[in-house]
Amino acid sequence: MFTGLIQAIGQVSAIERQESSARVVISNSEIASQIAQGDSVSVNGACLTVVSFDKTNFAVDVMVQTLNLTTTGSLEVGSAVNLELATRTADRLGGHIVQGHVDGIAKVAAISADSQWTRMDLAIPKDLMKYVVAQGSICLEGVSLTVGELNDAANQVSVWLIPETLAKTNLSTKSVGDNLNIEVDILAKYVERLIARGQEK
């Protein structure tokens, strides 16, 4: 489990592509110094398992389903990635409950900024809109954010990014048309499931 509070920005230093998987090597000494074999790490919001590491790099294996359903498949050498280690039970839950199970891909529809904040409008899959509420939580590229506005007619959500978020994540590098990993609030999905099963005879 993660919180959506990014701990570091890493850089993809190597990618070994195979027929149905890929091994991605990520460079960041801060994260590499804290991990162990088999640890979970959130890479742009996707929960991946550490298969090897040294003092400055770590490698994760990415299966075909993750490559197809997330932005991981479009990473290139040099790509900046948001990183978060799994939450310890004693840690503060500063963001929201994030599983690292990406629900779909959002596309940046518009970006506008002033001196204090940046607004990002995102087109998300229609089937995910039902899980999003204004002032609720949403996870983009592994970043826990608050939903500012909803546009159900256009299947769009808006978030506001403060300078601190832009400085400490890769969201500052995103442009209109870019794809982002999206994870909706797990609590909404549990409520839907409970209601649906509760109505069964």
N, C-alpha and C. Protein backbone atom coordinates (compact mmCIF):
# COMPACT_ATOMS: atom_id res chain seq x y z
N MET A 1 0.84 -1.19 0.00
CA MET A 1 0.00 0.00 0.00
C MET A 1 0.88 1.24 0.00
N PHE A 2 0.38 2.30 -0.65
CA PHE A 2 1.10 3.55 -0.75
C PHE A 2 0.18 4.69 -0.30
N THR A 3 0.74 5.89 -0.23
CA THR A 3 -0.04 7.05 0.19
C THR A 3 -0.21 8.08 -0.93
N GLY A 4 0.55 7.95 -2.02
CA GLY A 4 0.49 8.94 -3.08
C GLY A 4 1.34 10.16 -2.81
N LEU A 5 2.18 10.11 -1.78
CA LEU A 5 3.13 11.19 -1.50
C LEU A 5 4.49 10.77 -2.07
N ILE A 6 4.89 11.40 -3.15
CA ILE A 6 6.09 11.01 -3.86
C ILE A 6 7.33 11.32 -3.03
N GLN A 7 8.23 10.33 -2.95
CA GLN A 7 9.45 10.48 -2.16
C GLN A 7 10.64 10.95 -2.98
N ALA A 8 10.63 10.63 -4.26
CA ALA A 8 11.76 11.00 -5.11
C ALA A 8 11.37 10.87 -6.57
N ILE A 9 12.13 11.54 -7.41
CA ILE A 9 12.00 11.37 -8.86
C ILE A 9 13.22 10.58 -9.33
N GLY A 10 12.96 9.45 -9.98
CA GLY A 10 14.04 8.64 -10.52
C GLY A 10 14.16 8.84 -12.02
N GLN A 11 15.18 8.24 -12.59
CA GLN A 11 15.38 8.32 -14.03
C GLN A 11 15.61 6.92 -14.58
N VAL A 12 14.91 6.60 -15.64
CA VAL A 12 15.09 5.29 -16.28
C VAL A 12 16.47 5.26 -16.92
N SER A 13 17.30 4.31 -16.48
CA SER A 13 18.67 4.23 -17.00
C SER A 13 18.85 3.10 -18.00
N ALA A 14 17.95 2.13 -18.02
CA ALA A 14 18.04 1.04 -18.99
C ALA A 14 16.69 0.32 -19.08
N ILE A 15 16.41 -0.22 -20.25
CA ILE A 15 15.20 -1.02 -20.47
C ILE A 15 15.58 -2.23 -21.30
N GLU A 16 15.29 -3.41 -20.78
CA GLU A 16 15.49 -4.65 -21.53
C GLU A 16 14.11 -5.18 -21.92
N ARG A 17 13.78 -5.08 -23.19
CA ARG A 17 12.46 -5.51 -23.65
C ARG A 17 12.53 -6.96 -24.11
N GLN A 18 11.56 -7.74 -23.64
CA GLN A 18 11.45 -9.13 -24.04
C GLN A 18 10.08 -9.33 -24.70
N GLU A 19 9.77 -10.55 -25.07
CA GLU A 19 8.55 -10.80 -25.84
C GLU A 19 7.30 -10.42 -25.07
N SER A 20 7.24 -10.75 -23.79
CA SER A 20 6.03 -10.48 -23.02
C SER A 20 6.31 -9.76 -21.70
N SER A 21 7.47 -9.14 -21.60
CA SER A 21 7.81 -8.43 -20.38
C SER A 21 8.95 -7.46 -20.66
N ALA A 22 9.31 -6.73 -19.63
CA ALA A 22 10.45 -5.82 -19.75
C ALA A 22 11.09 -5.68 -18.38
N ARG A 23 12.40 -5.51 -18.35
CA ARG A 23 13.10 -5.18 -17.11
C ARG A 23 13.52 -3.72 -17.21
N VAL A 24 13.07 -2.94 -16.24
CA VAL A 24 13.35 -1.50 -16.24
C VAL A 24 14.30 -1.20 -15.09
N VAL A 25 15.40 -0.54 -15.40
CA VAL A 25 16.37 -0.13 -14.39
C VAL A 25 16.20 1.36 -14.13
N ILE A 26 16.05 1.71 -12.86
CA ILE A 26 15.78 3.08 -12.47
C ILE A 26 16.90 3.57 -11.56
N SER A 27 17.37 4.78 -11.83
CA SER A 27 18.46 5.36 -11.05
C SER A 27 17.92 6.37 -10.05
N ASN A 28 18.18 6.12 -8.77
CA ASN A 28 17.92 7.07 -7.70
C ASN A 28 18.54 6.52 -6.42
N SER A 29 19.61 7.14 -5.96
CA SER A 29 20.36 6.61 -4.82
C SER A 29 19.56 6.66 -3.53
N GLU A 30 18.68 7.67 -3.39
CA GLU A 30 17.88 7.78 -2.16
C GLU A 30 16.98 6.57 -1.99
N ILE A 31 16.29 6.18 -3.05
CA ILE A 31 15.39 5.03 -2.99
C ILE A 31 16.18 3.73 -2.97
N ALA A 32 17.22 3.62 -3.80
CA ALA A 32 18.00 2.39 -3.87
C ALA A 32 18.63 2.03 -2.53
N SER A 33 18.96 3.03 -1.73
CA SER A 33 19.60 2.77 -0.44
C SER A 33 18.62 2.27 0.61
N GLN A 34 17.32 2.32 0.33
CA GLN A 34 16.32 1.94 1.33
C GLN A 34 15.59 0.65 1.00
N ILE A 35 15.88 0.04 -0.15
CA ILE A 35 15.09 -1.10 -0.59
C ILE A 35 15.81 -2.41 -0.35
N ALA A 36 15.06 -3.49 -0.47
CA ALA A 36 15.60 -4.84 -0.39
C ALA A 36 14.98 -5.67 -1.51
N GLN A 37 15.58 -6.80 -1.79
CA GLN A 37 15.06 -7.70 -2.82
C GLN A 37 13.60 -8.06 -2.51
N GLY A 38 12.74 -7.93 -3.51
CA GLY A 38 11.34 -8.29 -3.34
C GLY A 38 10.46 -7.18 -2.82
N ASP A 39 11.04 -6.02 -2.48
CA ASP A 39 10.23 -4.90 -2.00
C ASP A 39 9.31 -4.37 -3.10
N SER A 40 8.20 -3.79 -2.69
CA SER A 40 7.30 -3.12 -3.62
C SER A 40 7.66 -1.64 -3.70
N VAL A 41 7.62 -1.11 -4.90
CA VAL A 41 7.86 0.31 -5.10
C VAL A 41 6.87 0.82 -6.14
N SER A 42 6.33 1.99 -5.89
CA SER A 42 5.41 2.61 -6.84
C SER A 42 6.22 3.41 -7.85
N VAL A 43 6.06 3.05 -9.13
CA VAL A 43 6.73 3.75 -10.22
C VAL A 43 5.66 4.39 -11.09
N ASN A 44 5.53 5.70 -10.99
CA ASN A 44 4.45 6.41 -11.68
C ASN A 44 3.08 5.82 -11.34
N GLY A 45 2.96 5.35 -10.09
CA GLY A 45 1.66 4.85 -9.64
C GLY A 45 1.43 3.37 -9.83
N ALA A 46 2.35 2.68 -10.50
CA ALA A 46 2.21 1.24 -10.70
C ALA A 46 3.08 0.51 -9.69
N CYS A 47 2.47 -0.41 -8.94
CA CYS A 47 3.20 -1.18 -7.93
C CYS A 47 4.04 -2.24 -8.62
N LEU A 48 5.37 -2.15 -8.47
CA LEU A 48 6.29 -3.08 -9.10
C LEU A 48 7.22 -3.67 -8.05
N THR A 49 7.80 -4.82 -8.35
CA THR A 49 8.63 -5.54 -7.39
C THR A 49 10.11 -5.41 -7.76
N VAL A 50 10.92 -5.09 -6.77
CA VAL A 50 12.36 -4.95 -6.97
C VAL A 50 12.98 -6.34 -7.17
N VAL A 51 13.71 -6.51 -8.28
CA VAL A 51 14.35 -7.80 -8.56
C VAL A 51 15.86 -7.74 -8.38
N SER A 52 16.43 -6.55 -8.40
CA SER A 52 17.86 -6.39 -8.12
C SER A 52 18.11 -4.93 -7.81
N PHE A 53 19.24 -4.66 -7.14
CA PHE A 53 19.55 -3.27 -6.81
C PHE A 53 21.02 -3.14 -6.42
N ASP A 54 21.53 -1.92 -6.49
CA ASP A 54 22.84 -1.59 -5.95
C ASP A 54 22.71 -0.26 -5.23
N LYS A 55 23.79 0.45 -5.05
CA LYS A 55 23.74 1.69 -4.26
C LYS A 55 23.01 2.82 -4.96
N THR A 56 22.92 2.77 -6.27
CA THR A 56 22.32 3.89 -7.01
C THR A 56 21.18 3.51 -7.92
N ASN A 57 21.00 2.21 -8.21
CA ASN A 57 19.98 1.77 -9.16
C ASN A 57 19.18 0.60 -8.61
N PHE A 58 17.99 0.43 -9.14
CA PHE A 58 17.23 -0.79 -8.87
C PHE A 58 16.48 -1.19 -10.13
N ALA A 59 16.19 -2.47 -10.23
CA ALA A 59 15.51 -3.00 -11.41
C ALA A 59 14.18 -3.62 -11.02
N VAL A 60 13.20 -3.47 -11.89
CA VAL A 60 11.89 -4.08 -11.70
C VAL A 60 11.50 -4.80 -12.99
N ASP A 61 10.82 -5.93 -12.84
CA ASP A 61 10.28 -6.65 -13.99
C ASP A 61 8.84 -6.22 -14.20
N VAL A 62 8.48 -5.95 -15.44
CA VAL A 62 7.14 -5.48 -15.78
C VAL A 62 6.51 -6.48 -16.73
N MET A 63 5.39 -7.06 -16.32
CA MET A 63 4.72 -8.06 -17.14
C MET A 63 3.89 -7.40 -18.25
N VAL A 64 3.48 -8.21 -19.21
CA VAL A 64 2.83 -7.70 -20.41
C VAL A 64 1.55 -6.94 -20.09
N GLN A 65 0.76 -7.41 -19.10
CA GLN A 65 -0.47 -6.73 -18.77
C GLN A 65 -0.21 -5.32 -18.26
N THR A 66 0.80 -5.17 -17.42
CA THR A 66 1.16 -3.84 -16.92
C THR A 66 1.67 -2.96 -18.06
N LEU A 67 2.44 -3.52 -18.96
CA LEU A 67 2.94 -2.76 -20.10
C LEU A 67 1.79 -2.26 -20.97
N ASN A 68 0.75 -3.08 -21.11
CA ASN A 68 -0.37 -2.73 -21.98
C ASN A 68 -1.37 -1.78 -21.33
N LEU A 69 -1.54 -1.89 -20.00
CA LEU A 69 -2.60 -1.14 -19.33
C LEU A 69 -2.13 0.13 -18.63
N THR A 70 -0.84 0.38 -18.60
CA THR A 70 -0.30 1.56 -17.92
C THR A 70 0.66 2.30 -18.86
N THR A 71 1.14 3.44 -18.39
CA THR A 71 2.11 4.20 -19.18
C THR A 71 3.52 3.61 -19.09
N THR A 72 3.69 2.55 -18.32
CA THR A 72 5.01 1.93 -18.17
C THR A 72 5.56 1.47 -19.52
N GLY A 73 4.68 1.01 -20.39
CA GLY A 73 5.11 0.53 -21.69
C GLY A 73 5.68 1.60 -22.59
N SER A 74 5.41 2.87 -22.29
CA SER A 74 5.92 3.97 -23.12
C SER A 74 7.15 4.64 -22.52
N LEU A 75 7.66 4.10 -21.40
CA LEU A 75 8.87 4.69 -20.81
C LEU A 75 10.06 4.51 -21.75
N GLU A 76 10.97 5.47 -21.70
CA GLU A 76 12.19 5.42 -22.49
C GLU A 76 13.37 5.69 -21.57
N VAL A 77 14.55 5.33 -22.01
CA VAL A 77 15.75 5.67 -21.24
C VAL A 77 15.80 7.20 -21.09
N GLY A 78 15.96 7.65 -19.87
CA GLY A 78 15.96 9.09 -19.59
C GLY A 78 14.65 9.60 -19.05
N SER A 79 13.58 8.80 -19.12
CA SER A 79 12.28 9.22 -18.60
C SER A 79 12.36 9.46 -17.09
N ALA A 80 11.73 10.54 -16.64
CA ALA A 80 11.63 10.81 -15.20
C ALA A 80 10.40 10.09 -14.66
N VAL A 81 10.56 9.41 -13.52
CA VAL A 81 9.47 8.64 -12.93
C VAL A 81 9.29 8.99 -11.46
N ASN A 82 8.03 9.07 -11.03
CA ASN A 82 7.71 9.30 -9.63
C ASN A 82 7.91 8.01 -8.84
N LEU A 83 8.54 8.11 -7.67
CA LEU A 83 8.84 6.93 -6.87
C LEU A 83 8.31 7.07 -5.45
N GLU A 84 7.74 5.99 -4.94
CA GLU A 84 7.31 5.93 -3.55
C GLU A 84 7.50 4.50 -3.04
N LEU A 85 8.12 4.37 -1.88
CA LEU A 85 8.24 3.07 -1.24
C LEU A 85 6.93 2.72 -0.54
N ALA A 86 6.71 1.43 -0.32
CA ALA A 86 5.51 0.98 0.36
C ALA A 86 5.43 1.61 1.76
N THR A 87 4.21 1.88 2.19
CA THR A 87 3.98 2.53 3.47
C THR A 87 4.22 1.58 4.63
N ARG A 88 4.90 2.07 5.65
CA ARG A 88 5.03 1.31 6.89
C ARG A 88 3.79 1.54 7.74
N THR A 89 3.46 0.57 8.59
CA THR A 89 2.25 0.69 9.41
C THR A 89 2.35 1.86 10.39
N ALA A 90 3.55 2.27 10.74
CA ALA A 90 3.71 3.35 11.71
C ALA A 90 3.74 4.73 11.05
N ASP A 91 3.73 4.78 9.70
CA ASP A 91 3.82 6.05 9.00
C ASP A 91 2.49 6.80 9.03
N ARG A 92 2.58 8.12 8.89
CA ARG A 92 1.37 8.94 8.72
C ARG A 92 0.80 8.71 7.32
N LEU A 93 -0.51 8.62 7.23
CA LEU A 93 -1.17 8.48 5.94
C LEU A 93 -1.48 9.89 5.43
N GLY A 94 -0.47 10.52 4.86
CA GLY A 94 -0.61 11.92 4.48
C GLY A 94 -1.42 12.15 3.22
N GLY A 95 -1.49 11.15 2.34
CA GLY A 95 -2.25 11.30 1.11
C GLY A 95 -3.58 10.58 1.25
N HIS A 96 -3.75 9.49 0.50
CA HIS A 96 -4.91 8.62 0.68
C HIS A 96 -4.47 7.18 0.37
N ILE A 97 -5.35 6.23 0.58
CA ILE A 97 -4.98 4.83 0.36
C ILE A 97 -4.80 4.57 -1.14
N VAL A 98 -3.58 4.24 -1.52
CA VAL A 98 -3.24 3.98 -2.91
C VAL A 98 -2.69 2.56 -3.00
N GLN A 99 -3.23 1.75 -3.88
CA GLN A 99 -2.80 0.37 -4.01
C GLN A 99 -1.66 0.17 -4.99
N GLY A 100 -1.53 1.10 -5.92
CA GLY A 100 -0.56 0.90 -6.99
C GLY A 100 -1.11 0.01 -8.08
N HIS A 101 -2.44 -0.17 -8.10
CA HIS A 101 -3.12 -0.94 -9.14
C HIS A 101 -3.80 0.05 -10.07
N VAL A 102 -3.16 0.33 -11.18
CA VAL A 102 -3.63 1.36 -12.10
C VAL A 102 -4.94 0.92 -12.75
N ASP A 103 -5.94 1.83 -12.71
CA ASP A 103 -7.27 1.53 -13.26
C ASP A 103 -7.40 1.88 -14.73
N GLY A 104 -6.57 2.78 -15.21
CA GLY A 104 -6.69 3.19 -16.60
C GLY A 104 -5.72 4.32 -16.92
N ILE A 105 -5.89 4.86 -18.10
CA ILE A 105 -5.02 5.92 -18.60
C ILE A 105 -5.83 7.21 -18.76
N ALA A 106 -5.32 8.29 -18.18
CA ALA A 106 -5.92 9.61 -18.37
C ALA A 106 -5.08 10.37 -19.40
N LYS A 107 -5.72 11.26 -20.14
CA LYS A 107 -5.01 12.08 -21.13
C LYS A 107 -5.14 13.55 -20.73
N VAL A 108 -4.03 14.25 -20.72
CA VAL A 108 -4.05 15.67 -20.37
C VAL A 108 -4.78 16.44 -21.47
N ALA A 109 -5.89 17.08 -21.08
CA ALA A 109 -6.72 17.82 -22.05
C ALA A 109 -6.37 19.29 -22.10
N ALA A 110 -5.96 19.85 -20.97
CA ALA A 110 -5.62 21.28 -20.93
C ALA A 110 -4.77 21.55 -19.70
N ILE A 111 -3.92 22.56 -19.79
CA ILE A 111 -3.11 23.02 -18.67
C ILE A 111 -3.14 24.54 -18.66
N SER A 112 -3.43 25.12 -17.50
CA SER A 112 -3.36 26.57 -17.35
C SER A 112 -2.71 26.88 -16.02
N ALA A 113 -1.97 27.98 -15.97
CA ALA A 113 -1.20 28.26 -14.76
C ALA A 113 -1.16 29.75 -14.46
N ASP A 114 -1.00 30.06 -13.19
CA ASP A 114 -0.65 31.41 -12.77
C ASP A 114 0.51 31.30 -11.79
N SER A 115 0.78 32.30 -11.02
CA SER A 115 1.95 32.30 -10.15
C SER A 115 1.81 31.38 -8.94
N GLN A 116 0.59 30.97 -8.61
CA GLN A 116 0.38 30.20 -7.39
C GLN A 116 -0.02 28.75 -7.61
N TRP A 117 -0.61 28.44 -8.75
CA TRP A 117 -1.06 27.08 -8.96
C TRP A 117 -1.16 26.78 -10.45
N THR A 118 -1.25 25.50 -10.78
CA THR A 118 -1.45 25.05 -12.16
C THR A 118 -2.68 24.17 -12.19
N ARG A 119 -3.58 24.48 -13.09
CA ARG A 119 -4.78 23.64 -13.28
C ARG A 119 -4.51 22.67 -14.42
N MET A 120 -4.83 21.40 -14.16
CA MET A 120 -4.69 20.37 -15.18
C MET A 120 -6.04 19.70 -15.38
N ASP A 121 -6.55 19.73 -16.60
CA ASP A 121 -7.80 19.06 -16.96
C ASP A 121 -7.44 17.74 -17.64
N LEU A 122 -8.10 16.68 -17.20
CA LEU A 122 -7.77 15.35 -17.68
C LEU A 122 -9.00 14.62 -18.19
N ALA A 123 -8.89 14.06 -19.37
CA ALA A 123 -9.93 13.17 -19.90
C ALA A 123 -9.66 11.78 -19.37
N ILE A 124 -10.66 11.18 -18.72
CA ILE A 124 -10.46 9.84 -18.16
C ILE A 124 -11.50 8.89 -18.76
N PRO A 125 -11.23 7.59 -18.72
CA PRO A 125 -12.20 6.64 -19.27
C PRO A 125 -13.58 6.82 -18.66
N LYS A 126 -14.60 6.75 -19.50
CA LYS A 126 -15.97 7.00 -19.05
C LYS A 126 -16.37 6.10 -17.89
N ASP A 127 -15.92 4.84 -17.91
CA ASP A 127 -16.34 3.90 -16.87
C ASP A 127 -15.71 4.21 -15.50
N LEU A 128 -14.71 5.09 -15.47
CA LEU A 128 -14.10 5.46 -14.19
C LEU A 128 -14.71 6.72 -13.59
N MET A 129 -15.47 7.47 -14.37
CA MET A 129 -16.04 8.73 -13.87
C MET A 129 -16.94 8.52 -12.66
N LYS A 130 -17.62 7.38 -12.60
CA LYS A 130 -18.55 7.13 -11.49
C LYS A 130 -17.84 7.01 -10.15
N TYR A 131 -16.53 6.78 -10.17
CA TYR A 131 -15.78 6.62 -8.92
C TYR A 131 -15.15 7.92 -8.44
N VAL A 132 -15.36 9.00 -9.17
CA VAL A 132 -14.69 10.27 -8.86
C VAL A 132 -15.72 11.28 -8.37
N VAL A 133 -15.40 11.97 -7.28
CA VAL A 133 -16.28 13.01 -6.75
C VAL A 133 -15.46 14.27 -6.51
N ALA A 134 -16.10 15.42 -6.64
CA ALA A 134 -15.43 16.69 -6.35
C ALA A 134 -14.96 16.70 -4.91
N GLN A 135 -13.77 17.19 -4.70
CA GLN A 135 -13.10 17.23 -3.39
C GLN A 135 -12.74 15.82 -2.87
N GLY A 136 -12.89 14.82 -3.72
CA GLY A 136 -12.45 13.49 -3.36
C GLY A 136 -10.99 13.28 -3.78
N SER A 137 -10.51 12.07 -3.59
CA SER A 137 -9.12 11.76 -3.89
C SER A 137 -8.99 11.04 -5.23
N ILE A 138 -7.88 11.30 -5.91
CA ILE A 138 -7.55 10.62 -7.15
C ILE A 138 -6.03 10.51 -7.20
N CYS A 139 -5.53 9.47 -7.85
CA CYS A 139 -4.09 9.26 -7.95
C CYS A 139 -3.67 9.34 -9.41
N LEU A 140 -2.77 10.28 -9.72
CA LEU A 140 -2.27 10.47 -11.08
C LEU A 140 -0.75 10.30 -11.08
N GLU A 141 -0.26 9.34 -11.86
CA GLU A 141 1.18 9.06 -11.91
C GLU A 141 1.74 8.78 -10.52
N GLY A 142 0.90 8.21 -9.65
CA GLY A 142 1.33 7.89 -8.30
C GLY A 142 1.19 9.03 -7.32
N VAL A 143 0.66 10.17 -7.76
CA VAL A 143 0.54 11.35 -6.91
C VAL A 143 -0.88 11.47 -6.38
N SER A 144 -1.03 11.53 -5.07
CA SER A 144 -2.34 11.72 -4.45
C SER A 144 -2.77 13.17 -4.62
N LEU A 145 -3.93 13.36 -5.26
CA LEU A 145 -4.43 14.71 -5.53
C LEU A 145 -5.90 14.80 -5.16
N THR A 146 -6.35 16.03 -4.95
CA THR A 146 -7.76 16.29 -4.67
C THR A 146 -8.45 16.73 -5.95
N VAL A 147 -9.59 16.14 -6.23
CA VAL A 147 -10.36 16.51 -7.43
C VAL A 147 -10.96 17.89 -7.21
N GLY A 148 -10.71 18.81 -8.13
CA GLY A 148 -11.25 20.15 -8.01
C GLY A 148 -12.62 20.27 -8.64
N GLU A 149 -12.73 19.86 -9.89
CA GLU A 149 -14.01 19.96 -10.61
C GLU A 149 -14.23 18.71 -11.45
N LEU A 150 -15.51 18.46 -11.74
CA LEU A 150 -15.90 17.36 -12.61
C LEU A 150 -16.66 17.91 -13.81
N ASN A 151 -16.42 17.34 -14.97
CA ASN A 151 -17.20 17.65 -16.17
C ASN A 151 -17.68 16.32 -16.72
N ASP A 152 -18.86 15.88 -16.23
CA ASP A 152 -19.36 14.57 -16.62
C ASP A 152 -19.66 14.48 -18.11
N ALA A 153 -20.11 15.58 -18.69
CA ALA A 153 -20.45 15.55 -20.12
C ALA A 153 -19.23 15.25 -20.98
N ALA A 154 -18.07 15.73 -20.54
CA ALA A 154 -16.84 15.54 -21.31
C ALA A 154 -15.96 14.42 -20.74
N ASN A 155 -16.43 13.77 -19.65
CA ASN A 155 -15.63 12.76 -18.96
C ASN A 155 -14.24 13.32 -18.59
N GLN A 156 -14.29 14.48 -17.93
CA GLN A 156 -13.06 15.15 -17.53
C GLN A 156 -13.07 15.47 -16.04
N VAL A 157 -11.88 15.45 -15.45
CA VAL A 157 -11.69 15.91 -14.08
C VAL A 157 -10.60 16.97 -14.09
N SER A 158 -10.68 17.88 -13.12
CA SER A 158 -9.68 18.94 -13.01
C SER A 158 -9.00 18.84 -11.65
N VAL A 159 -7.70 19.03 -11.64
CA VAL A 159 -6.94 19.08 -10.40
C VAL A 159 -6.08 20.34 -10.42
N TRP A 160 -5.77 20.84 -9.22
CA TRP A 160 -4.90 22.00 -9.09
C TRP A 160 -3.60 21.56 -8.46
N LEU A 161 -2.50 21.93 -9.07
CA LEU A 161 -1.18 21.53 -8.62
C LEU A 161 -0.44 22.73 -8.04
N ILE A 162 -0.03 22.61 -6.78
CA ILE A 162 0.70 23.70 -6.14
C ILE A 162 2.18 23.59 -6.54
N PRO A 163 2.95 24.66 -6.37
CA PRO A 163 4.38 24.62 -6.75
C PRO A 163 5.14 23.49 -6.10
N GLU A 164 4.82 23.13 -4.86
CA GLU A 164 5.51 22.04 -4.17
C GLU A 164 5.31 20.72 -4.90
N THR A 165 4.09 20.46 -5.37
CA THR A 165 3.81 19.23 -6.11
C THR A 165 4.57 19.22 -7.43
N LEU A 166 4.59 20.34 -8.12
CA LEU A 166 5.30 20.41 -9.39
C LEU A 166 6.80 20.23 -9.20
N ALA A 167 7.34 20.75 -8.10
CA ALA A 167 8.78 20.66 -7.86
C ALA A 167 9.21 19.26 -7.49
N LYS A 168 8.33 18.47 -6.86
CA LYS A 168 8.74 17.18 -6.32
C LYS A 168 8.19 15.98 -7.09
N THR A 169 7.51 16.22 -8.21
CA THR A 169 7.00 15.12 -9.03
C THR A 169 7.30 15.40 -10.50
N ASN A 170 7.02 14.42 -11.35
CA ASN A 170 7.24 14.62 -12.78
C ASN A 170 6.05 15.27 -13.47
N LEU A 171 5.03 15.67 -12.71
CA LEU A 171 3.86 16.31 -13.34
C LEU A 171 4.23 17.63 -13.99
N SER A 172 5.32 18.23 -13.55
CA SER A 172 5.76 19.50 -14.15
C SER A 172 6.22 19.32 -15.59
N THR A 173 6.52 18.08 -15.98
CA THR A 173 7.02 17.82 -17.33
C THR A 173 5.90 17.46 -18.30
N LYS A 174 4.67 17.35 -17.82
CA LYS A 174 3.58 16.87 -18.66
C LYS A 174 3.01 17.99 -19.53
N SER A 175 2.58 17.59 -20.72
CA SER A 175 2.02 18.52 -21.69
C SER A 175 0.66 18.02 -22.16
N VAL A 176 -0.10 18.89 -22.81
CA VAL A 176 -1.39 18.50 -23.37
C VAL A 176 -1.18 17.33 -24.34
N GLY A 177 -2.00 16.30 -24.17
CA GLY A 177 -1.90 15.10 -25.00
C GLY A 177 -1.15 13.97 -24.35
N ASP A 178 -0.42 14.25 -23.27
CA ASP A 178 0.32 13.19 -22.58
C ASP A 178 -0.63 12.25 -21.84
N ASN A 179 -0.21 11.00 -21.71
CA ASN A 179 -0.98 10.00 -20.96
C ASN A 179 -0.44 9.87 -19.54
N LEU A 180 -1.34 9.71 -18.58
CA LEU A 180 -0.98 9.54 -17.18
C LEU A 180 -1.69 8.33 -16.60
N ASN A 181 -0.99 7.59 -15.74
CA ASN A 181 -1.65 6.51 -15.01
C ASN A 181 -2.66 7.10 -14.04
N ILE A 182 -3.81 6.46 -13.94
CA ILE A 182 -4.84 6.92 -13.02
C ILE A 182 -5.31 5.76 -12.16
N GLU A 183 -5.45 6.02 -10.86
CA GLU A 183 -6.05 5.06 -9.93
C GLU A 183 -7.12 5.80 -9.16
N VAL A 184 -8.35 5.31 -9.25
CA VAL A 184 -9.45 5.94 -8.51
C VAL A 184 -9.44 5.44 -7.08
N ASP A 185 -10.24 6.09 -6.24
CA ASP A 185 -10.28 5.75 -4.82
C ASP A 185 -10.86 4.35 -4.61
N ILE A 186 -10.09 3.48 -3.97
CA ILE A 186 -10.51 2.09 -3.74
C ILE A 186 -11.79 2.03 -2.91
N LEU A 187 -12.01 3.01 -2.04
CA LEU A 187 -13.21 2.99 -1.21
C LEU A 187 -14.48 3.07 -2.06
N ALA A 188 -14.43 3.84 -3.14
CA ALA A 188 -15.60 3.95 -4.01
C ALA A 188 -15.92 2.61 -4.67
N LYS A 189 -14.90 1.87 -5.04
CA LYS A 189 -15.12 0.58 -5.67
C LYS A 189 -15.67 -0.44 -4.68
N TYR A 190 -15.23 -0.37 -3.44
CA TYR A 190 -15.77 -1.26 -2.42
C TYR A 190 -17.24 -0.96 -2.16
N VAL A 191 -17.59 0.32 -2.09
CA VAL A 191 -18.99 0.70 -1.87
C VAL A 191 -19.87 0.17 -3.00
N GLU A 192 -19.40 0.33 -4.25
CA GLU A 192 -20.17 -0.16 -5.39
C GLU A 192 -20.39 -1.67 -5.28
N ARG A 193 -19.36 -2.39 -4.93
CA ARG A 193 -19.45 -3.85 -4.82
C ARG A 193 -20.41 -4.27 -3.72
N LEU A 194 -20.33 -3.61 -2.56
CA LEU A 194 -21.21 -3.93 -1.45
C LEU A 194 -22.67 -3.68 -1.79
N ILE A 195 -22.93 -2.55 -2.45
CA ILE A 195 -24.31 -2.22 -2.82
C ILE A 195 -24.84 -3.24 -3.82
N ALA A 196 -24.01 -3.58 -4.82
CA ALA A 196 -24.45 -4.51 -5.85
C ALA A 196 -24.76 -5.89 -5.26
N ARG A 197 -23.88 -6.40 -4.38
CA ARG A 197 -24.13 -7.70 -3.78
C ARG A 197 -25.26 -7.67 -2.76
N GLY A 198 -25.43 -6.51 -2.13
CA GLY A 198 -26.51 -6.39 -1.15
C GLY A 198 -27.89 -6.43 -1.76
N GLN A 199 -27.96 -6.11 -3.06
CA GLN A 199 -29.26 -6.12 -3.75
C GLN A 199 -29.62 -7.48 -4.32
N GLU A 200 -28.66 -8.41 -4.26
CA GLU A 200 -28.94 -9.75 -4.79
C GLU A 200 -29.85 -10.51 -3.83
N LYS A 201 -30.71 -11.31 -4.37
CA LYS A 201 -31.63 -12.13 -3.57
C LYS A 201 -30.94 -13.38 -3.08
